[in-house]
Amino acid sequence: MRILLDESAPSELRELLADHDVETVPERGWRAKENGELLTLAVGEGFDAFVTPDQNIPHQQNLASFDIAVVILAAGRNRRATYEPVAGKLRELVEGAPRGEVTWFRG
């Protein structure tokens, strides 16, 4: 599974999702792109899921028009330590997230 981490997501989440091909927005050179453009680029490059703490994205984008799962991190503090104890749950949620929809991760 190819996963794209938003620039505002902890880059250390890559280690918690190590079973997958995980890249970050800055690594791709997509820093400061608007969400619609970012999702279009991600779909075009074959990403399966976009993981972000941006809770406004469902209000800003028609996610049904994008062939990518969007997982919103809403588990509290946006740090690796927040996600380490629930890494297995996060992996399961990302792996099962449906394309064209938002899935909320609340920890």
C-alpha atoms as a PDB file:
ATOM      1  CA  MET A   1       0.000   0.000   0.000  1.00  0.00           C
ATOM      2  CA  ARG A   2       1.300   3.465  -0.881  1.00  0.00           C
ATOM      3  CA  ILE A   3       0.653   6.062   1.806  1.00  0.00           C
ATOM      4  CA  LEU A   4       1.257   9.803   1.583  1.00  0.00           C
ATOM      5  CA  LEU A   5       1.790  11.682   4.870  1.00  0.00           C
ATOM      6  CA  ASP A   6       0.760  15.326   4.872  1.00  0.00           C
ATOM      7  CA  GLU A   7       3.448  17.861   5.740  1.00  0.00           C
ATOM      8  CA  SER A   8       1.686  18.585   9.048  1.00  0.00           C
ATOM      9  CA  ALA A   9       1.609  14.902  10.070  1.00  0.00           C
ATOM     10  CA  PRO A  10       4.488  13.584  12.190  1.00  0.00           C
ATOM     11  CA  SER A  11       6.983  12.159   9.693  1.00  0.00           C
ATOM     12  CA  GLU A  12       7.846   9.490  12.266  1.00  0.00           C
ATOM     13  CA  LEU A  13       4.499   7.840  11.488  1.00  0.00           C
ATOM     14  CA  ARG A  14       6.404   6.226   8.628  1.00  0.00           C
ATOM     15  CA  GLU A  15       8.013   3.928  11.191  1.00  0.00           C
ATOM     16  CA  LEU A  16       4.610   2.979  12.610  1.00  0.00           C
ATOM     17  CA  LEU A  17       3.368   2.145   9.107  1.00  0.00           C
ATOM     18  CA  ALA A  18       6.594   0.361   8.149  1.00  0.00           C
ATOM     19  CA  ASP A  19       4.806  -2.492   6.373  1.00  0.00           C
ATOM     20  CA  HIS A  20       3.857  -0.025   3.645  1.00  0.00           C
ATOM     21  CA  ASP A  21       5.499   2.329   1.152  1.00  0.00           C
ATOM     22  CA  VAL A  22       5.210   5.647   3.003  1.00  0.00           C
ATOM     23  CA  GLU A  23       6.323   9.010   1.626  1.00  0.00           C
ATOM     24  CA  THR A  24       5.854  12.531   2.928  1.00  0.00           C
ATOM     25  CA  VAL A  25       4.580  15.601   1.106  1.00  0.00           C
ATOM     26  CA  PRO A  26       7.942  17.413   1.523  1.00  0.00           C
ATOM     27  CA  GLU A  27       9.853  14.416   0.133  1.00  0.00           C
ATOM     28  CA  ARG A  28       7.699  14.560  -2.979  1.00  0.00           C
ATOM     29  CA  GLY A  29       8.373  18.292  -3.368  1.00  0.00           C
ATOM     30  CA  TRP A  30       4.695  19.093  -2.824  1.00  0.00           C
ATOM     31  CA  ARG A  31       5.068  21.365   0.197  1.00  0.00           C
ATOM     32  CA  ALA A  32       2.539  24.240   0.382  1.00  0.00           C
ATOM     33  CA  LYS A  33       0.223  22.727  -2.242  1.00  0.00           C
ATOM     34  CA  GLU A  34      -3.491  23.320  -1.721  1.00  0.00           C
ATOM     35  CA  ASN A  35      -5.438  20.227  -0.653  1.00  0.00           C
ATOM     36  CA  GLY A  36      -7.222  19.737  -3.985  1.00  0.00           C
ATOM     37  CA  GLU A  37      -3.998  19.911  -5.953  1.00  0.00           C
ATOM     38  CA  LEU A  38      -2.253  17.681  -3.432  1.00  0.00           C
ATOM     39  CA  LEU A  39      -4.952  15.012  -3.675  1.00  0.00           C
ATOM     40  CA  THR A  40      -4.879  15.192  -7.481  1.00  0.00           C
ATOM     41  CA  LEU A  41      -1.103  14.711  -7.488  1.00  0.00           C
ATOM     42  CA  ALA A  42      -1.335  11.832  -4.999  1.00  0.00           C
ATOM     43  CA  VAL A  43      -3.969  10.028  -7.075  1.00  0.00           C
ATOM     44  CA  GLY A  44      -1.932  10.590 -10.236  1.00  0.00           C
ATOM     45  CA  GLU A  45       1.144   9.072  -8.591  1.00  0.00           C
ATOM     46  CA  GLY A  46      -0.772   5.987  -7.445  1.00  0.00           C
ATOM     47  CA  PHE A  47      -1.063   6.605  -3.714  1.00  0.00           C
ATOM     48  CA  ASP A  48      -3.726   4.560  -1.942  1.00  0.00           C
ATOM     49  CA  ALA A  49      -4.126   6.713   1.173  1.00  0.00           C
ATOM     50  CA  PHE A  50      -3.460  10.254   2.340  1.00  0.00           C
ATOM     51  CA  VAL A  51      -2.901  10.671   6.095  1.00  0.00           C
ATOM     52  CA  THR A  52      -3.341  14.166   7.526  1.00  0.00           C
ATOM     53  CA  PRO A  53      -4.248  15.954  10.756  1.00  0.00           C
ATOM     54  CA  ASP A  54      -6.148  18.563   8.683  1.00  0.00           C
ATOM     55  CA  GLN A  55      -9.693  18.237  10.009  1.00  0.00           C
ATOM     56  CA  ASN A  56     -11.030  20.811   7.532  1.00  0.00           C
ATOM     57  CA  ILE A  57     -10.328  18.766   4.412  1.00  0.00           C
ATOM     58  CA  PRO A  58     -13.803  17.126   4.280  1.00  0.00           C
ATOM     59  CA  HIS A  59     -15.365  20.607   4.265  1.00  0.00           C
ATOM     60  CA  GLN A  60     -12.994  21.928   1.596  1.00  0.00           C
ATOM     61  CA  GLN A  61     -12.942  19.031  -0.882  1.00  0.00           C
ATOM     62  CA  ASN A  62     -15.436  16.659  -2.490  1.00  0.00           C
ATOM     63  CA  LEU A  63     -13.515  13.555  -1.437  1.00  0.00           C
ATOM     64  CA  ALA A  64     -15.819  11.272  -3.434  1.00  0.00           C
ATOM     65  CA  SER A  65     -14.218  12.705  -6.581  1.00  0.00           C
ATOM     66  CA  PHE A  66     -10.740  11.468  -5.570  1.00  0.00           C
ATOM     67  CA  ASP A  67      -9.693   7.824  -5.912  1.00  0.00           C
ATOM     68  CA  ILE A  68      -7.761   7.845  -2.639  1.00  0.00           C
ATOM     69  CA  ALA A  69      -8.588   7.120   0.999  1.00  0.00           C
ATOM     70  CA  VAL A  70      -8.220  10.098   3.331  1.00  0.00           C
ATOM     71  CA  VAL A  71      -7.410   9.367   6.966  1.00  0.00           C
ATOM     72  CA  ILE A  72      -7.666  12.255   9.400  1.00  0.00           C
ATOM     73  CA  LEU A  73      -5.571  12.059  12.551  1.00  0.00           C
ATOM     74  CA  ALA A  74      -7.726  13.326  15.395  1.00  0.00           C
ATOM     75  CA  ALA A  75      -6.217  11.457  18.332  1.00  0.00           C
ATOM     76  CA  GLY A  76      -5.062  14.444  20.355  1.00  0.00           C
ATOM     77  CA  ARG A  77      -1.554  15.836  20.195  1.00  0.00           C
ATOM     78  CA  ASN A  78      -0.031  15.565  16.754  1.00  0.00           C
ATOM     79  CA  ARG A  79       3.133  13.745  17.836  1.00  0.00           C
ATOM     80  CA  ARG A  80       4.560  10.277  17.330  1.00  0.00           C
ATOM     81  CA  ALA A  81       4.159   9.507  21.046  1.00  0.00           C
ATOM     82  CA  THR A  82       0.401   9.932  20.655  1.00  0.00           C
ATOM     83  CA  TYR A  83       0.271   7.208  18.003  1.00  0.00           C
ATOM     84  CA  GLU A  84       2.855   4.693  19.267  1.00  0.00           C
ATOM     85  CA  PRO A  85       0.504   2.992  21.780  1.00  0.00           C
ATOM     86  CA  VAL A  86      -2.205   2.647  19.111  1.00  0.00           C
ATOM     87  CA  ALA A  87       0.018   1.920  16.092  1.00  0.00           C
ATOM     88  CA  GLY A  88      -1.735  -1.368  15.319  1.00  0.00           C
ATOM     89  CA  LYS A  89      -5.124   0.306  15.327  1.00  0.00           C
ATOM     90  CA  LEU A  90      -3.803   3.085  13.083  1.00  0.00           C
ATOM     91  CA  ARG A  91      -2.400   0.552  10.602  1.00  0.00           C
ATOM     92  CA  GLU A  92      -5.702  -1.355  10.492  1.00  0.00           C
ATOM     93  CA  LEU A  93      -7.667   1.832   9.964  1.00  0.00           C
ATOM     94  CA  VAL A  94      -5.424   3.057   7.148  1.00  0.00           C
ATOM     95  CA  GLU A  95      -5.437  -0.359   5.465  1.00  0.00           C
ATOM     96  CA  GLY A  96      -9.233  -0.556   5.594  1.00  0.00           C
ATOM     97  CA  ALA A  97     -10.039   3.059   4.745  1.00  0.00           C
ATOM     98  CA  PRO A  98     -12.306   3.287   1.685  1.00  0.00           C
ATOM     99  CA  ARG A  99     -11.263   5.385  -1.289  1.00  0.00           C
ATOM    100  CA  GLY A 100     -13.242   8.555  -1.902  1.00  0.00           C
ATOM    101  CA  GLU A 101     -14.159   8.892   1.759  1.00  0.00           C
ATOM    102  CA  VAL A 102     -12.761  10.341   4.947  1.00  0.00           C
ATOM    103  CA  THR A 103     -11.913   8.034   7.824  1.00  0.00           C
ATOM    104  CA  TRP A 104     -11.323   9.542  11.246  1.00  0.00           C
ATOM    105  CA  PHE A 105      -8.621   8.142  13.519  1.00  0.00           C
ATOM    106  CA  ARG A 106      -9.436   9.090  17.094  1.00  0.00           C
ATOM    107  CA  GLY A 107      -7.042   6.692  18.805  1.00  0.00           C
END
